[in-house]
Amino acid sequence: MSSRYFWYVMMTGAIIGWLFAIYGLIAPFANKTVHLIWLIVLVVWVIGHPLELPISLPIGEKAGISKQRTIIKTILFGFTWWLPVKLGIFKE
């Protein structure tokens, strides 16, 4: 978990999750299982990432990262961005 590569792969997964969530809004899935997975991803990304802001904002501030940049990266990537910042793996 101390590898930048690991965290970049994780961040790519977060972006794929967003793309999956957006695609499902544009073209709803007919398959009930896929639709359920989509719904779970949508809820986790839309509700979960903003809930991480109270954790990520102090981490971003301590790392010298602007509040706006911290908010955007947390919404996009969630813990896959702020945790490596906290661990000193990413230096912004």
C-alpha atoms as a PDB file:
ATOM      1  CA  MET A   1       0.000   0.000   0.000  1.00  0.00           C
ATOM      2  CA  SER A   2       2.994   2.308  -0.024  1.00  0.00           C
ATOM      3  CA  SER A   3       3.272   2.142  -3.820  1.00  0.00           C
ATOM      4  CA  ARG A   4       2.107   5.118  -5.877  1.00  0.00           C
ATOM      5  CA  TYR A   5       1.184   2.639  -8.610  1.00  0.00           C
ATOM      6  CA  PHE A   6      -1.229   0.835  -6.246  1.00  0.00           C
ATOM      7  CA  TRP A   7      -3.015   4.099  -5.434  1.00  0.00           C
ATOM      8  CA  TYR A   8      -3.158   5.157  -9.093  1.00  0.00           C
ATOM      9  CA  VAL A   9      -4.857   1.842  -9.897  1.00  0.00           C
ATOM     10  CA  MET A  10      -7.293   2.443  -7.031  1.00  0.00           C
ATOM     11  CA  MET A  11      -8.003   5.992  -8.272  1.00  0.00           C
ATOM     12  CA  THR A  12      -8.632   4.616 -11.763  1.00  0.00           C
ATOM     13  CA  GLY A  13     -11.179   2.284 -10.177  1.00  0.00           C
ATOM     14  CA  ALA A  14     -12.920   5.281  -8.604  1.00  0.00           C
ATOM     15  CA  ILE A  15     -13.175   6.984 -11.993  1.00  0.00           C
ATOM     16  CA  ILE A  16     -14.524   3.767 -13.537  1.00  0.00           C
ATOM     17  CA  GLY A  17     -17.110   3.714 -10.742  1.00  0.00           C
ATOM     18  CA  TRP A  18     -18.178   7.270 -11.627  1.00  0.00           C
ATOM     19  CA  LEU A  19     -18.388   6.365 -15.328  1.00  0.00           C
ATOM     20  CA  PHE A  20     -20.478   3.285 -14.481  1.00  0.00           C
ATOM     21  CA  ALA A  21     -22.794   5.384 -12.289  1.00  0.00           C
ATOM     22  CA  ILE A  22     -23.230   8.049 -14.976  1.00  0.00           C
ATOM     23  CA  TYR A  23     -23.752   5.481 -17.729  1.00  0.00           C
ATOM     24  CA  GLY A  24     -26.522   3.862 -15.682  1.00  0.00           C
ATOM     25  CA  LEU A  25     -28.277   7.214 -15.404  1.00  0.00           C
ATOM     26  CA  ILE A  26     -28.110   7.724 -19.172  1.00  0.00           C
ATOM     27  CA  ALA A  27     -28.943   4.156 -20.219  1.00  0.00           C
ATOM     28  CA  PRO A  28     -30.591   2.221 -17.369  1.00  0.00           C
ATOM     29  CA  PHE A  29     -29.584  -1.431 -17.076  1.00  0.00           C
ATOM     30  CA  ALA A  30     -32.267  -4.003 -17.938  1.00  0.00           C
ATOM     31  CA  ASN A  31     -30.510  -6.821 -16.067  1.00  0.00           C
ATOM     32  CA  LYS A  32     -31.701  -6.717 -12.432  1.00  0.00           C
ATOM     33  CA  THR A  33     -28.357  -7.842 -11.011  1.00  0.00           C
ATOM     34  CA  VAL A  34     -26.393  -5.235 -12.952  1.00  0.00           C
ATOM     35  CA  HIS A  35     -29.004  -2.633 -12.013  1.00  0.00           C
ATOM     36  CA  LEU A  36     -28.600  -3.490  -8.321  1.00  0.00           C
ATOM     37  CA  ILE A  37     -24.794  -3.253  -8.579  1.00  0.00           C
ATOM     38  CA  TRP A  38     -25.194   0.082 -10.371  1.00  0.00           C
ATOM     39  CA  LEU A  39     -27.502   1.359  -7.635  1.00  0.00           C
ATOM     40  CA  ILE A  40     -25.017   0.388  -4.918  1.00  0.00           C
ATOM     41  CA  VAL A  41     -22.130   2.085  -6.758  1.00  0.00           C
ATOM     42  CA  LEU A  42     -24.245   5.195  -7.339  1.00  0.00           C
ATOM     43  CA  VAL A  43     -25.200   5.481  -3.665  1.00  0.00           C
ATOM     44  CA  VAL A  44     -21.656   4.856  -2.418  1.00  0.00           C
ATOM     45  CA  TRP A  45     -20.110   7.381  -4.816  1.00  0.00           C
ATOM     46  CA  VAL A  46     -22.778  10.108  -4.545  1.00  0.00           C
ATOM     47  CA  ILE A  47     -23.269   9.859  -0.778  1.00  0.00           C
ATOM     48  CA  GLY A  48     -20.055   8.234   0.414  1.00  0.00           C
ATOM     49  CA  HIS A  49     -17.470  10.501  -1.169  1.00  0.00           C
ATOM     50  CA  PRO A  50     -18.952  13.741   0.214  1.00  0.00           C
ATOM     51  CA  LEU A  51     -19.121  12.096   3.652  1.00  0.00           C
ATOM     52  CA  GLU A  52     -15.324  11.777   3.501  1.00  0.00           C
ATOM     53  CA  LEU A  53     -14.842  15.550   3.356  1.00  0.00           C
ATOM     54  CA  PRO A  54     -14.592  16.041   7.145  1.00  0.00           C
ATOM     55  CA  ILE A  55     -11.655  13.613   7.066  1.00  0.00           C
ATOM     56  CA  SER A  56     -10.004  14.824   3.856  1.00  0.00           C
ATOM     57  CA  LEU A  57     -10.168  18.590   4.428  1.00  0.00           C
ATOM     58  CA  PRO A  58      -7.787  18.630   7.422  1.00  0.00           C
ATOM     59  CA  ILE A  59      -5.452  16.224   5.592  1.00  0.00           C
ATOM     60  CA  GLY A  60      -5.414  18.468   2.535  1.00  0.00           C
ATOM     61  CA  GLU A  61      -4.872  21.572   4.653  1.00  0.00           C
ATOM     62  CA  LYS A  62      -1.959  19.964   6.496  1.00  0.00           C
ATOM     63  CA  ALA A  63      -0.427  18.974   3.123  1.00  0.00           C
ATOM     64  CA  GLY A  64      -0.781  22.542   1.834  1.00  0.00           C
ATOM     65  CA  ILE A  65      -3.494  21.678  -0.686  1.00  0.00           C
ATOM     66  CA  SER A  66      -6.260  24.192  -1.353  1.00  0.00           C
ATOM     67  CA  LYS A  67      -9.718  23.526   0.009  1.00  0.00           C
ATOM     68  CA  GLN A  68     -11.214  23.534  -3.507  1.00  0.00           C
ATOM     69  CA  ARG A  69      -8.683  21.016  -4.832  1.00  0.00           C
ATOM     70  CA  THR A  70      -9.221  18.779  -1.801  1.00  0.00           C
ATOM     71  CA  ILE A  71     -12.995  18.842  -2.286  1.00  0.00           C
ATOM     72  CA  ILE A  72     -12.767  18.034  -5.998  1.00  0.00           C
ATOM     73  CA  LYS A  73     -10.268  15.204  -5.536  1.00  0.00           C
ATOM     74  CA  THR A  74     -12.230  13.743  -2.621  1.00  0.00           C
ATOM     75  CA  ILE A  75     -15.480  13.769  -4.615  1.00  0.00           C
ATOM     76  CA  LEU A  76     -13.737  12.161  -7.606  1.00  0.00           C
ATOM     77  CA  PHE A  77     -11.452   9.681  -5.863  1.00  0.00           C
ATOM     78  CA  GLY A  78     -12.544   9.382  -2.221  1.00  0.00           C
ATOM     79  CA  PHE A  79     -10.111   7.711   0.165  1.00  0.00           C
ATOM     80  CA  THR A  80      -7.977   6.544  -2.756  1.00  0.00           C
ATOM     81  CA  TRP A  81      -6.715  10.129  -2.936  1.00  0.00           C
ATOM     82  CA  TRP A  82      -6.663  11.475   0.611  1.00  0.00           C
ATOM     83  CA  LEU A  83      -5.246   8.370   2.308  1.00  0.00           C
ATOM     84  CA  PRO A  84      -2.026   8.350   0.239  1.00  0.00           C
ATOM     85  CA  VAL A  85      -1.743  12.105   0.877  1.00  0.00           C
ATOM     86  CA  LYS A  86      -2.035  11.415   4.609  1.00  0.00           C
ATOM     87  CA  LEU A  87       0.535   8.631   4.359  1.00  0.00           C
ATOM     88  CA  GLY A  88       2.930  10.921   2.480  1.00  0.00           C
ATOM     89  CA  ILE A  89       2.828   8.815  -0.679  1.00  0.00           C
ATOM     90  CA  PHE A  90       1.371  11.685  -2.723  1.00  0.00           C
ATOM     91  CA  LYS A  91       2.969  15.068  -2.321  1.00  0.00           C
ATOM     92  CA  GLU A  92       0.857  17.670  -4.093  1.00  0.00           C
END
